[in-house]
Amino acid sequence: MRVRVLFFGVLKDLAGRSSEDAEFADGADLRAVLNTGTGYETPKPEDGT
């Protein structure tokens, strides 16, 4: 499936563009998009120790 990620506000400034197209497997969910190495990795919680 082809998706277009749209950037707004601060994210648009940080990304340096307003959108990006990407290709994912059919049935992919948001977690799959965030964890594909596209630069949208989900932040890991900090270790409180």
PDB file of N, CA and C in Angstrom:
ATOM      1  N   MET A   1       0.851  -1.169   0.000  1.00  0.00           N
ATOM      2  CA  MET A   1       0.000   0.000   0.000  1.00  0.00           C
ATOM      3  C   MET A   1       0.893   1.226   0.000  1.00  0.00           C
ATOM      4  N   ARG A   2       0.484   2.213  -0.744  1.00  0.00           N
ATOM      5  CA  ARG A   2       1.229   3.468  -0.813  1.00  0.00           C
ATOM      6  C   ARG A   2       0.538   4.480   0.095  1.00  0.00           C
ATOM      7  N   VAL A   3       1.352   5.149   0.905  1.00  0.00           N
ATOM      8  CA  VAL A   3       0.813   6.176   1.802  1.00  0.00           C
ATOM      9  C   VAL A   3       1.592   7.469   1.608  1.00  0.00           C
ATOM     10  N   ARG A   4       0.945   8.545   1.915  1.00  0.00           N
ATOM     11  CA  ARG A   4       1.614   9.846   1.913  1.00  0.00           C
ATOM     12  C   ARG A   4       1.559  10.377   3.333  1.00  0.00           C
ATOM     13  N   VAL A   5       2.737  10.606   3.910  1.00  0.00           N
ATOM     14  CA  VAL A   5       2.847  11.167   5.249  1.00  0.00           C
ATOM     15  C   VAL A   5       2.921  12.672   5.094  1.00  0.00           C
ATOM     16  N   LEU A   6       2.013  13.377   5.778  1.00  0.00           N
ATOM     17  CA  LEU A   6       1.979  14.834   5.712  1.00  0.00           C
ATOM     18  C   LEU A   6       2.574  15.414   6.990  1.00  0.00           C
ATOM     19  N   PHE A   7       3.427  16.395   6.832  1.00  0.00           N
ATOM     20  CA  PHE A   7       4.058  17.062   7.967  1.00  0.00           C
ATOM     21  C   PHE A   7       3.443  18.452   8.127  1.00  0.00           C
ATOM     22  N   PHE A   8       3.149  18.827   9.373  1.00  0.00           N
ATOM     23  CA  PHE A   8       2.580  20.141   9.669  1.00  0.00           C
ATOM     24  C   PHE A   8       3.369  20.799  10.791  1.00  0.00           C
ATOM     25  N   GLY A   9       3.345  22.105  10.824  1.00  0.00           N
ATOM     26  CA  GLY A   9       3.944  22.872  11.916  1.00  0.00           C
ATOM     27  C   GLY A   9       5.415  22.586  12.106  1.00  0.00           C
ATOM     28  N   VAL A  10       5.777  22.304  13.344  1.00  0.00           N
ATOM     29  CA  VAL A  10       7.175  22.064  13.705  1.00  0.00           C
ATOM     30  C   VAL A  10       7.733  20.848  12.973  1.00  0.00           C
ATOM     31  N   LEU A  11       6.919  19.812  12.799  1.00  0.00           N
ATOM     32  CA  LEU A  11       7.405  18.624  12.086  1.00  0.00           C
ATOM     33  C   LEU A  11       7.775  18.954  10.645  1.00  0.00           C
ATOM     34  N   LYS A  12       7.007  19.822  10.023  1.00  0.00           N
ATOM     35  CA  LYS A  12       7.323  20.250   8.660  1.00  0.00           C
ATOM     36  C   LYS A  12       8.670  20.973   8.640  1.00  0.00           C
ATOM     37  N   ASP A  13       8.903  21.829   9.633  1.00  0.00           N
ATOM     38  CA  ASP A  13      10.181  22.534   9.726  1.00  0.00           C
ATOM     39  C   ASP A  13      11.331  21.557   9.959  1.00  0.00           C
ATOM     40  N   LEU A  14      11.130  20.602  10.852  1.00  0.00           N
ATOM     41  CA  LEU A  14      12.182  19.629  11.157  1.00  0.00           C
ATOM     42  C   LEU A  14      12.479  18.710   9.972  1.00  0.00           C
ATOM     43  N   ALA A  15      11.433  18.289   9.270  1.00  0.00           N
ATOM     44  CA  ALA A  15      11.608  17.378   8.138  1.00  0.00           C
ATOM     45  C   ALA A  15      12.140  18.113   6.907  1.00  0.00           C
ATOM     46  N   GLY A  16      11.896  19.407   6.835  1.00  0.00           N
ATOM     47  CA  GLY A  16      12.341  20.176   5.695  1.00  0.00           C
ATOM     48  C   GLY A  16      11.501  19.963   4.442  1.00  0.00           C
ATOM     49  N   ARG A  17      10.316  19.388   4.613  1.00  0.00           N
ATOM     50  CA  ARG A  17       9.401  19.155   3.493  1.00  0.00           C
ATOM     51  C   ARG A  17       7.987  19.034   4.053  1.00  0.00           C
ATOM     52  N   SER A  18       7.001  19.112   3.185  1.00  0.00           N
ATOM     53  CA  SER A  18       5.618  19.066   3.647  1.00  0.00           C
ATOM     54  C   SER A  18       5.008  17.672   3.580  1.00  0.00           C
ATOM     55  N   SER A  19       5.619  16.762   2.802  1.00  0.00           N
ATOM     56  CA  SER A  19       5.072  15.409   2.711  1.00  0.00           C
ATOM     57  C   SER A  19       6.147  14.433   2.245  1.00  0.00           C
ATOM     58  N   GLU A  20       5.834  13.165   2.376  1.00  0.00           N
ATOM     59  CA  GLU A  20       6.721  12.098   1.924  1.00  0.00           C
ATOM     60  C   GLU A  20       5.869  10.896   1.550  1.00  0.00           C
ATOM     61  N   ASP A  21       6.145  10.285   0.414  1.00  0.00           N
ATOM     62  CA  ASP A  21       5.436   9.076  -0.012  1.00  0.00           C
ATOM     63  C   ASP A  21       6.234   7.853   0.428  1.00  0.00           C
ATOM     64  N   ALA A  22       5.532   6.798   0.808  1.00  0.00           N
ATOM     65  CA  ALA A  22       6.186   5.556   1.233  1.00  0.00           C
ATOM     66  C   ALA A  22       5.336   4.368   0.815  1.00  0.00           C
ATOM     67  N   GLU A  23       5.968   3.221   0.699  1.00  0.00           N
ATOM     68  CA  GLU A  23       5.291   1.984   0.306  1.00  0.00           C
ATOM     69  C   GLU A  23       5.370   0.999   1.472  1.00  0.00           C
ATOM     70  N   PHE A  24       4.222   0.388   1.827  1.00  0.00           N
ATOM     71  CA  PHE A  24       4.157  -0.567   2.930  1.00  0.00           C
ATOM     72  C   PHE A  24       3.338  -1.770   2.513  1.00  0.00           C
ATOM     73  N   ALA A  25       3.528  -2.862   3.228  1.00  0.00           N
ATOM     74  CA  ALA A  25       2.770  -4.082   2.953  1.00  0.00           C
ATOM     75  C   ALA A  25       1.287  -3.841   3.215  1.00  0.00           C
ATOM     76  N   ASP A  26       0.428  -4.523   2.456  1.00  0.00           N
ATOM     77  CA  ASP A  26      -1.011  -4.419   2.703  1.00  0.00           C
ATOM     78  C   ASP A  26      -1.316  -4.808   4.139  1.00  0.00           C
ATOM     79  N   GLY A  27      -2.172  -4.057   4.786  1.00  0.00           N
ATOM     80  CA  GLY A  27      -2.561  -4.347   6.154  1.00  0.00           C
ATOM     81  C   GLY A  27      -1.617  -3.774   7.197  1.00  0.00           C
ATOM     82  N   ALA A  28      -0.586  -3.042   6.774  1.00  0.00           N
ATOM     83  CA  ALA A  28       0.351  -2.457   7.737  1.00  0.00           C
ATOM     84  C   ALA A  28      -0.388  -1.450   8.618  1.00  0.00           C
ATOM     85  N   ASP A  29      -0.022  -1.432   9.890  1.00  0.00           N
ATOM     86  CA  ASP A  29      -0.625  -0.466  10.809  1.00  0.00           C
ATOM     87  C   ASP A  29       0.376   0.654  11.101  1.00  0.00           C
ATOM     88  N   LEU A  30      -0.021   1.590  11.923  1.00  0.00           N
ATOM     89  CA  LEU A  30       0.839   2.733  12.220  1.00  0.00           C
ATOM     90  C   LEU A  30       2.152   2.293  12.852  1.00  0.00           C
ATOM     91  N   ARG A  31       2.118   1.288  13.702  1.00  0.00           N
ATOM     92  CA  ARG A  31       3.352   0.797  14.332  1.00  0.00           C
ATOM     93  C   ARG A  31       4.332   0.304  13.267  1.00  0.00           C
ATOM     94  N   ALA A  32       3.837  -0.380  12.254  1.00  0.00           N
ATOM     95  CA  ALA A  32       4.703  -0.857  11.167  1.00  0.00           C
ATOM     96  C   ALA A  32       5.332   0.328  10.441  1.00  0.00           C
ATOM     97  N   VAL A  33       4.555   1.371  10.226  1.00  0.00           N
ATOM     98  CA  VAL A  33       5.079   2.566   9.563  1.00  0.00           C
ATOM     99  C   VAL A  33       6.174   3.197  10.416  1.00  0.00           C
ATOM    100  N   LEU A  34       5.928   3.314  11.713  1.00  0.00           N
ATOM    101  CA  LEU A  34       6.881   3.972  12.604  1.00  0.00           C
ATOM    102  C   LEU A  34       8.160   3.162  12.814  1.00  0.00           C
ATOM    103  N   ASN A  35       8.113   1.868  12.605  1.00  0.00           N
ATOM    104  CA  ASN A  35       9.269   1.013  12.899  1.00  0.00           C
ATOM    105  C   ASN A  35       9.948   0.446  11.660  1.00  0.00           C
ATOM    106  N   THR A  36       9.814   1.097  10.527  1.00  0.00           N
ATOM    107  CA  THR A  36      10.404   0.579   9.292  1.00  0.00           C
ATOM    108  C   THR A  36      11.766   1.170   8.986  1.00  0.00           C
ATOM    109  N   GLY A  37      12.307   1.993   9.851  1.00  0.00           N
ATOM    110  CA  GLY A  37      13.593   2.607   9.573  1.00  0.00           C
ATOM    111  C   GLY A  37      13.474   3.823   8.678  1.00  0.00           C
ATOM    112  N   THR A  38      12.280   4.378   8.554  1.00  0.00           N
ATOM    113  CA  THR A  38      12.057   5.550   7.714  1.00  0.00           C
ATOM    114  C   THR A  38      12.402   6.837   8.445  1.00  0.00           C
ATOM    115  N   GLY A  39      12.824   6.746   9.684  1.00  0.00           N
ATOM    116  CA  GLY A  39      13.109   7.949  10.456  1.00  0.00           C
ATOM    117  C   GLY A  39      11.967   8.351  11.357  1.00  0.00           C
ATOM    118  N   TYR A  40      10.892   7.555  11.375  1.00  0.00           N
ATOM    119  CA  TYR A  40       9.734   7.848  12.207  1.00  0.00           C
ATOM    120  C   TYR A  40       9.657   6.924  13.409  1.00  0.00           C
ATOM    121  N   GLU A  41      10.784   6.439  13.876  1.00  0.00           N
ATOM    122  CA  GLU A  41      10.786   5.463  14.956  1.00  0.00           C
ATOM    123  C   GLU A  41      10.035   5.984  16.178  1.00  0.00           C
ATOM    124  N   THR A  42       9.334   5.071  16.833  1.00  0.00           N
ATOM    125  CA  THR A  42       8.630   5.440  18.053  1.00  0.00           C
ATOM    126  C   THR A  42       9.657   5.632  19.163  1.00  0.00           C
ATOM    127  N   PRO A  43       9.514   6.676  19.961  1.00  0.00           N
ATOM    128  CA  PRO A  43      10.470   6.893  21.037  1.00  0.00           C
ATOM    129  C   PRO A  43      10.360   5.806  22.095  1.00  0.00           C
ATOM    130  N   LYS A  44      11.481   5.409  22.619  1.00  0.00           N
ATOM    131  CA  LYS A  44      11.494   4.416  23.692  1.00  0.00           C
ATOM    132  C   LYS A  44      11.469   5.138  25.022  1.00  0.00           C
ATOM    133  N   PRO A  45      10.676   4.641  25.979  1.00  0.00           N
ATOM    134  CA  PRO A  45      10.637   5.306  27.284  1.00  0.00           C
ATOM    135  C   PRO A  45      12.005   5.266  27.947  1.00  0.00           C
ATOM    136  N   GLU A  46      12.326   6.336  28.636  1.00  0.00           N
ATOM    137  CA  GLU A  46      13.614   6.406  29.332  1.00  0.00           C
ATOM    138  C   GLU A  46      13.584   5.468  30.527  1.00  0.00           C
ATOM    139  N   ASP A  47      14.719   4.858  30.789  1.00  0.00           N
ATOM    140  CA  ASP A  47      14.861   3.980  31.940  1.00  0.00           C
ATOM    141  C   ASP A  47      14.972   4.842  33.199  1.00  0.00           C
ATOM    142  N   GLY A  48      14.076   4.641  34.139  1.00  0.00           N
ATOM    143  CA  GLY A  48      14.035   5.451  35.347  1.00  0.00           C
ATOM    144  C   GLY A  48      15.094   5.104  36.380  1.00  0.00           C
ATOM    145  N   THR A  49      16.005   4.194  36.052  1.00  0.00           N
ATOM    146  CA  THR A  49      17.021   3.796  37.051  1.00  0.00           C
ATOM    147  C   THR A  49      18.250   4.628  36.952  1.00  0.00           C
TER     148      THR A  49
END
